[in-house]
Amino acid sequence: APITDENDWYLSILGLAPECQGRGIG
C-alpha cells in the first residue's frame, strides 16, 4: 500500500510451461 498507487495494474500471475522457458516467450 505505501509503495503502489490505487490506479496501478497488478501482475498477479505469470507462468510458462517449463519446457518452453528460455525462448523469449515470457
PDB file of all heavy atoms in Angstrom:
ATOM      1  N   ALA A   1       0.798  -1.230   0.000  1.00  0.00           N
ATOM      2  CA  ALA A   1       0.000   0.000   0.000  1.00  0.00           C
ATOM      3  C   ALA A   1       0.833   1.284   0.000  1.00  0.00           C
ATOM      4  O   ALA A   1       0.529   2.218  -0.754  1.00  0.00           O
ATOM      5  CB  ALA A   1      -0.975  -0.009   1.176  1.00  0.00           C
ATOM      6  N   PRO A   2       1.904   1.401   0.814  1.00  0.00           N
ATOM      7  CA  PRO A   2       2.665   2.648   0.801  1.00  0.00           C
ATOM      8  C   PRO A   2       3.535   2.839  -0.448  1.00  0.00           C
ATOM      9  O   PRO A   2       4.042   3.938  -0.680  1.00  0.00           O
ATOM     10  CB  PRO A   2       3.561   2.532   2.053  1.00  0.00           C
ATOM     11  CG  PRO A   2       3.011   1.406   2.852  1.00  0.00           C
ATOM     12  CD  PRO A   2       2.385   0.483   1.866  1.00  0.00           C
ATOM     13  N   ILE A   3       3.718   1.767  -1.223  1.00  0.00           N
ATOM     14  CA  ILE A   3       4.664   1.790  -2.333  1.00  0.00           C
ATOM     15  C   ILE A   3       3.957   1.965  -3.666  1.00  0.00           C
ATOM     16  O   ILE A   3       4.516   2.534  -4.615  1.00  0.00           O
ATOM     17  CB  ILE A   3       5.489   0.483  -2.346  1.00  0.00           C
ATOM     18  CG1 ILE A   3       6.249   0.333  -1.029  1.00  0.00           C
ATOM     19  CG2 ILE A   3       6.467   0.451  -3.516  1.00  0.00           C
ATOM     20  CD1 ILE A   3       6.936  -1.009  -0.884  1.00  0.00           C
ATOM     21  N   THR A   4       2.736   1.482  -3.749  1.00  0.00           N
ATOM     22  CA  THR A   4       1.998   1.485  -5.001  1.00  0.00           C
ATOM     23  C   THR A   4       0.896   2.546  -4.954  1.00  0.00           C
ATOM     24  O   THR A   4       0.631   3.154  -3.918  1.00  0.00           O
ATOM     25  CB  THR A   4       1.379   0.104  -5.266  1.00  0.00           C
ATOM     26  OG1 THR A   4       0.474  -0.227  -4.202  1.00  0.00           O
ATOM     27  CG2 THR A   4       2.467  -0.956  -5.358  1.00  0.00           C
ATOM     28  N   ASP A   5       0.268   2.743  -6.091  1.00  0.00           N
ATOM     29  CA  ASP A   5      -0.835   3.694  -6.217  1.00  0.00           C
ATOM     30  C   ASP A   5      -2.124   2.924  -6.491  1.00  0.00           C
ATOM     31  O   ASP A   5      -2.097   1.853  -7.118  1.00  0.00           O
ATOM     32  CB  ASP A   5      -0.554   4.671  -7.362  1.00  0.00           C
ATOM     33  CG  ASP A   5      -1.612   5.743  -7.487  1.00  0.00           C
ATOM     34  OD1 ASP A   5      -1.477   6.794  -6.842  1.00  0.00           O
ATOM     35  OD2 ASP A   5      -2.590   5.521  -8.235  1.00  0.00           O
ATOM     36  N   GLU A   6      -3.243   3.466  -6.048  1.00  0.00           N
ATOM     37  CA  GLU A   6      -4.513   2.770  -6.227  1.00  0.00           C
ATOM     38  C   GLU A   6      -4.885   2.567  -7.683  1.00  0.00           C
ATOM     39  O   GLU A   6      -5.718   1.724  -8.014  1.00  0.00           O
ATOM     40  CB  GLU A   6      -5.623   3.533  -5.513  1.00  0.00           C
ATOM     41  CG  GLU A   6      -5.884   4.915  -6.050  1.00  0.00           C
ATOM     42  CD  GLU A   6      -6.984   5.654  -5.309  1.00  0.00           C
ATOM     43  OE1 GLU A   6      -7.447   5.141  -4.286  1.00  0.00           O
ATOM     44  OE2 GLU A   6      -7.388   6.748  -5.775  1.00  0.00           O
ATOM     45  N   ASN A   7      -4.262   3.304  -8.584  1.00  0.00           N
ATOM     46  CA  ASN A   7      -4.536   3.157 -10.009  1.00  0.00           C
ATOM     47  C   ASN A   7      -3.610   2.162 -10.702  1.00  0.00           C
ATOM     48  O   ASN A   7      -3.774   1.897 -11.896  1.00  0.00           O
ATOM     49  CB  ASN A   7      -4.430   4.512 -10.709  1.00  0.00           C
ATOM     50  CG  ASN A   7      -5.493   5.489 -10.237  1.00  0.00           C
ATOM     51  OD1 ASN A   7      -6.656   5.126 -10.114  1.00  0.00           O
ATOM     52  ND2 ASN A   7      -5.089   6.717  -9.952  1.00  0.00           N
ATOM     53  N   ASP A   8      -2.628   1.626 -10.000  1.00  0.00           N
ATOM     54  CA  ASP A   8      -1.684   0.679 -10.598  1.00  0.00           C
ATOM     55  C   ASP A   8      -2.396  -0.586 -11.062  1.00  0.00           C
ATOM     56  O   ASP A   8      -3.364  -1.045 -10.442  1.00  0.00           O
ATOM     57  CB  ASP A   8      -0.602   0.280  -9.591  1.00  0.00           C
ATOM     58  CG  ASP A   8       0.401   1.379  -9.312  1.00  0.00           C
ATOM     59  OD1 ASP A   8       0.272   2.478  -9.882  1.00  0.00           O
ATOM     60  OD2 ASP A   8       1.323   1.127  -8.511  1.00  0.00           O
ATOM     61  N   TRP A   9      -1.880  -1.178 -12.125  1.00  0.00           N
ATOM     62  CA  TRP A   9      -2.291  -2.513 -12.546  1.00  0.00           C
ATOM     63  C   TRP A   9      -1.317  -3.510 -11.930  1.00  0.00           C
ATOM     64  O   TRP A   9      -0.117  -3.233 -11.793  1.00  0.00           O
ATOM     65  CB  TRP A   9      -2.266  -2.633 -14.063  1.00  0.00           C
ATOM     66  CG  TRP A   9      -3.240  -1.739 -14.757  1.00  0.00           C
ATOM     67  CD1 TRP A   9      -4.126  -0.862 -14.191  1.00  0.00           C
ATOM     68  CD2 TRP A   9      -3.431  -1.635 -16.170  1.00  0.00           C
ATOM     69  NE1 TRP A   9      -4.851  -0.219 -15.146  1.00  0.00           N
ATOM     70  CE2 TRP A   9      -4.447  -0.664 -16.385  1.00  0.00           C
ATOM     71  CE3 TRP A   9      -2.845  -2.248 -17.274  1.00  0.00           C
ATOM     72  CZ2 TRP A   9      -4.886  -0.313 -17.656  1.00  0.00           C
ATOM     73  CZ3 TRP A   9      -3.277  -1.896 -18.541  1.00  0.00           C
ATOM     74  CH2 TRP A   9      -4.291  -0.951 -18.730  1.00  0.00           C
ATOM     75  N   TYR A  10      -1.835  -4.682 -11.577  1.00  0.00           N
ATOM     76  CA  TYR A  10      -1.063  -5.662 -10.812  1.00  0.00           C
ATOM     77  C   TYR A  10      -0.891  -6.952 -11.612  1.00  0.00           C
ATOM     78  O   TYR A  10      -1.878  -7.577 -12.020  1.00  0.00           O
ATOM     79  CB  TYR A  10      -1.783  -5.944  -9.496  1.00  0.00           C
ATOM     80  CG  TYR A  10      -1.201  -7.044  -8.651  1.00  0.00           C
ATOM     81  CD1 TYR A  10       0.149  -7.063  -8.306  1.00  0.00           C
ATOM     82  CD2 TYR A  10      -2.019  -8.069  -8.172  1.00  0.00           C
ATOM     83  CE1 TYR A  10       0.666  -8.074  -7.521  1.00  0.00           C
ATOM     84  CE2 TYR A  10      -1.513  -9.083  -7.382  1.00  0.00           C
ATOM     85  CZ  TYR A  10      -0.162  -9.076  -7.051  1.00  0.00           C
ATOM     86  OH  TYR A  10       0.357 -10.074  -6.273  1.00  0.00           O
ATOM     87  N   LEU A  11       0.347  -7.331 -11.848  1.00  0.00           N
ATOM     88  CA  LEU A  11       0.652  -8.607 -12.491  1.00  0.00           C
ATOM     89  C   LEU A  11       0.634  -9.684 -11.412  1.00  0.00           C
ATOM     90  O   LEU A  11       1.585  -9.847 -10.668  1.00  0.00           O
ATOM     91  CB  LEU A  11       2.015  -8.549 -13.184  1.00  0.00           C
ATOM     92  CG  LEU A  11       2.523  -9.850 -13.807  1.00  0.00           C
ATOM     93  CD1 LEU A  11       1.531 -10.427 -14.805  1.00  0.00           C
ATOM     94  CD2 LEU A  11       3.886  -9.626 -14.458  1.00  0.00           C
ATOM     95  N   SER A  12      -0.480 -10.398 -11.310  1.00  0.00           N
ATOM     96  CA  SER A  12      -0.634 -11.348 -10.210  1.00  0.00           C
ATOM     97  C   SER A  12      -0.033 -12.713 -10.520  1.00  0.00           C
ATOM     98  O   SER A  12       0.444 -13.405  -9.612  1.00  0.00           O
ATOM     99  CB  SER A  12      -2.110 -11.506  -9.838  1.00  0.00           C
ATOM    100  OG  SER A  12      -2.858 -12.033 -10.914  1.00  0.00           O
ATOM    101  N   ILE A  13      -0.078 -13.130 -11.784  1.00  0.00           N
ATOM    102  CA  ILE A  13       0.452 -14.447 -12.162  1.00  0.00           C
ATOM    103  C   ILE A  13       1.134 -14.334 -13.515  1.00  0.00           C
ATOM    104  O   ILE A  13       0.585 -13.744 -14.447  1.00  0.00           O
ATOM    105  CB  ILE A  13      -0.663 -15.507 -12.252  1.00  0.00           C
ATOM    106  CG1 ILE A  13      -1.393 -15.673 -10.924  1.00  0.00           C
ATOM    107  CG2 ILE A  13      -0.088 -16.854 -12.695  1.00  0.00           C
ATOM    108  CD1 ILE A  13      -2.591 -16.628 -10.988  1.00  0.00           C
ATOM    109  N   LEU A  14       2.317 -14.901 -13.610  1.00  0.00           N
ATOM    110  CA  LEU A  14       2.990 -15.073 -14.891  1.00  0.00           C
ATOM    111  C   LEU A  14       3.658 -16.434 -14.880  1.00  0.00           C
ATOM    112  O   LEU A  14       4.443 -16.745 -13.977  1.00  0.00           O
ATOM    113  CB  LEU A  14       4.038 -13.988 -15.124  1.00  0.00           C
ATOM    114  CG  LEU A  14       4.926 -14.171 -16.363  1.00  0.00           C
ATOM    115  CD1 LEU A  14       4.102 -14.147 -17.639  1.00  0.00           C
ATOM    116  CD2 LEU A  14       6.025 -13.106 -16.408  1.00  0.00           C
ATOM    117  N   GLY A  15       3.317 -17.256 -15.844  1.00  0.00           N
ATOM    118  CA  GLY A  15       3.921 -18.576 -15.897  1.00  0.00           C
ATOM    119  C   GLY A  15       3.935 -19.130 -17.308  1.00  0.00           C
ATOM    120  O   GLY A  15       3.056 -18.824 -18.112  1.00  0.00           O
ATOM    121  N   LEU A  16       4.928 -19.934 -17.585  1.00  0.00           N
ATOM    122  CA  LEU A  16       5.110 -20.562 -18.892  1.00  0.00           C
ATOM    123  C   LEU A  16       5.539 -21.996 -18.659  1.00  0.00           C
ATOM    124  O   LEU A  16       6.355 -22.271 -17.763  1.00  0.00           O
ATOM    125  CB  LEU A  16       6.178 -19.812 -19.680  1.00  0.00           C
ATOM    126  CG  LEU A  16       6.431 -20.223 -21.125  1.00  0.00           C
ATOM    127  CD1 LEU A  16       5.223 -19.912 -21.997  1.00  0.00           C
ATOM    128  CD2 LEU A  16       7.666 -19.505 -21.674  1.00  0.00           C
ATOM    129  N   ALA A  17       4.986 -22.905 -19.424  1.00  0.00           N
ATOM    130  CA  ALA A  17       5.350 -24.315 -19.284  1.00  0.00           C
ATOM    131  C   ALA A  17       6.871 -24.461 -19.240  1.00  0.00           C
ATOM    132  O   ALA A  17       7.575 -23.852 -20.059  1.00  0.00           O
ATOM    133  CB  ALA A  17       4.779 -25.117 -20.441  1.00  0.00           C
ATOM    134  N   PRO A  18       7.417 -25.222 -18.287  1.00  0.00           N
ATOM    135  CA  PRO A  18       8.874 -25.290 -18.121  1.00  0.00           C
ATOM    136  C   PRO A  18       9.630 -25.618 -19.392  1.00  0.00           C
ATOM    137  O   PRO A  18      10.713 -25.072 -19.633  1.00  0.00           O
ATOM    138  CB  PRO A  18       9.038 -26.381 -17.055  1.00  0.00           C
ATOM    139  CG  PRO A  18       7.796 -26.287 -16.242  1.00  0.00           C
ATOM    140  CD  PRO A  18       6.700 -25.965 -17.231  1.00  0.00           C
ATOM    141  N   GLU A  19       9.071 -26.479 -20.226  1.00  0.00           N
ATOM    142  CA  GLU A  19       9.787 -26.862 -21.446  1.00  0.00           C
ATOM    143  C   GLU A  19       9.831 -25.730 -22.468  1.00  0.00           C
ATOM    144  O   GLU A  19      10.588 -25.799 -23.439  1.00  0.00           O
ATOM    145  CB  GLU A  19       9.154 -28.113 -22.068  1.00  0.00           C
ATOM    146  CG  GLU A  19       7.744 -27.920 -22.581  1.00  0.00           C
ATOM    147  CD  GLU A  19       6.676 -28.180 -21.521  1.00  0.00           C
ATOM    148  OE1 GLU A  19       7.015 -28.195 -20.316  1.00  0.00           O
ATOM    149  OE2 GLU A  19       5.505 -28.371 -21.908  1.00  0.00           O
ATOM    150  N   CYS A  20       9.036 -24.694 -22.260  1.00  0.00           N
ATOM    151  CA  CYS A  20       9.006 -23.562 -23.188  1.00  0.00           C
ATOM    152  C   CYS A  20       9.778 -22.358 -22.674  1.00  0.00           C
ATOM    153  O   CYS A  20       9.851 -21.330 -23.366  1.00  0.00           O
ATOM    154  CB  CYS A  20       7.560 -23.153 -23.461  1.00  0.00           C
ATOM    155  SG  CYS A  20       6.553 -24.454 -24.193  1.00  0.00           S
ATOM    156  N   GLN A  21      10.338 -22.458 -21.496  1.00  0.00           N
ATOM    157  CA  GLN A  21      11.036 -21.325 -20.915  1.00  0.00           C
ATOM    158  C   GLN A  21      12.394 -21.124 -21.567  1.00  0.00           C
ATOM    159  O   GLN A  21      12.962 -22.034 -22.177  1.00  0.00           O
ATOM    160  CB  GLN A  21      11.193 -21.536 -19.406  1.00  0.00           C
ATOM    161  CG  GLN A  21       9.862 -21.525 -18.664  1.00  0.00           C
ATOM    162  CD  GLN A  21       9.993 -21.858 -17.195  1.00  0.00           C
ATOM    163  OE1 GLN A  21      11.082 -21.910 -16.646  1.00  0.00           O
ATOM    164  NE2 GLN A  21       8.865 -22.080 -16.532  1.00  0.00           N
ATOM    165  N   GLY A  22      12.910 -19.911 -21.478  1.00  0.00           N
ATOM    166  CA  GLY A  22      14.214 -19.600 -22.030  1.00  0.00           C
ATOM    167  C   GLY A  22      14.219 -19.324 -23.517  1.00  0.00           C
ATOM    168  O   GLY A  22      15.282 -19.284 -24.138  1.00  0.00           O
ATOM    169  N   ARG A  23      13.038 -19.099 -24.101  1.00  0.00           N
ATOM    170  CA  ARG A  23      12.944 -18.861 -25.549  1.00  0.00           C
ATOM    171  C   ARG A  23      12.372 -17.484 -25.867  1.00  0.00           C
ATOM    172  O   ARG A  23      12.011 -17.208 -27.010  1.00  0.00           O
ATOM    173  CB  ARG A  23      12.072 -19.950 -26.185  1.00  0.00           C
ATOM    174  CG  ARG A  23      12.729 -21.334 -26.151  1.00  0.00           C
ATOM    175  CD  ARG A  23      11.758 -22.495 -26.238  1.00  0.00           C
ATOM    176  NE  ARG A  23      10.728 -22.336 -27.253  1.00  0.00           N
ATOM    177  CZ  ARG A  23       9.716 -23.199 -27.418  1.00  0.00           C
ATOM    178  NH1 ARG A  23       9.607 -24.247 -26.630  1.00  0.00           N
ATOM    179  NH2 ARG A  23       8.815 -22.990 -28.361  1.00  0.00           N
ATOM    180  N   GLY A  24      12.277 -16.629 -24.864  1.00  0.00           N
ATOM    181  CA  GLY A  24      11.771 -15.281 -25.085  1.00  0.00           C
ATOM    182  C   GLY A  24      10.265 -15.178 -25.146  1.00  0.00           C
ATOM    183  O   GLY A  24       9.724 -14.107 -25.434  1.00  0.00           O
ATOM    184  N   ILE A  25       9.570 -16.267 -24.852  1.00  0.00           N
ATOM    185  CA  ILE A  25       8.114 -16.272 -24.953  1.00  0.00           C
ATOM    186  C   ILE A  25       7.485 -15.488 -23.811  1.00  0.00           C
ATOM    187  O   ILE A  25       6.461 -14.827 -23.968  1.00  0.00           O
ATOM    188  CB  ILE A  25       7.586 -17.716 -24.988  1.00  0.00           C
ATOM    189  CG1 ILE A  25       8.160 -18.453 -26.202  1.00  0.00           C
ATOM    190  CG2 ILE A  25       6.066 -17.748 -25.016  1.00  0.00           C
ATOM    191  CD1 ILE A  25       7.926 -19.952 -26.191  1.00  0.00           C
ATOM    192  N   GLY A  26       8.119 -15.546 -22.649  1.00  0.00           N
ATOM    193  CA  GLY A  26       7.575 -14.866 -21.483  1.00  0.00           C
ATOM    194  C   GLY A  26       7.396 -13.378 -21.694  1.00  0.00           C
ATOM    195  O   GLY A  26       6.406 -12.780 -21.246  1.00  0.00           O
TER     196      GLY A  26
END
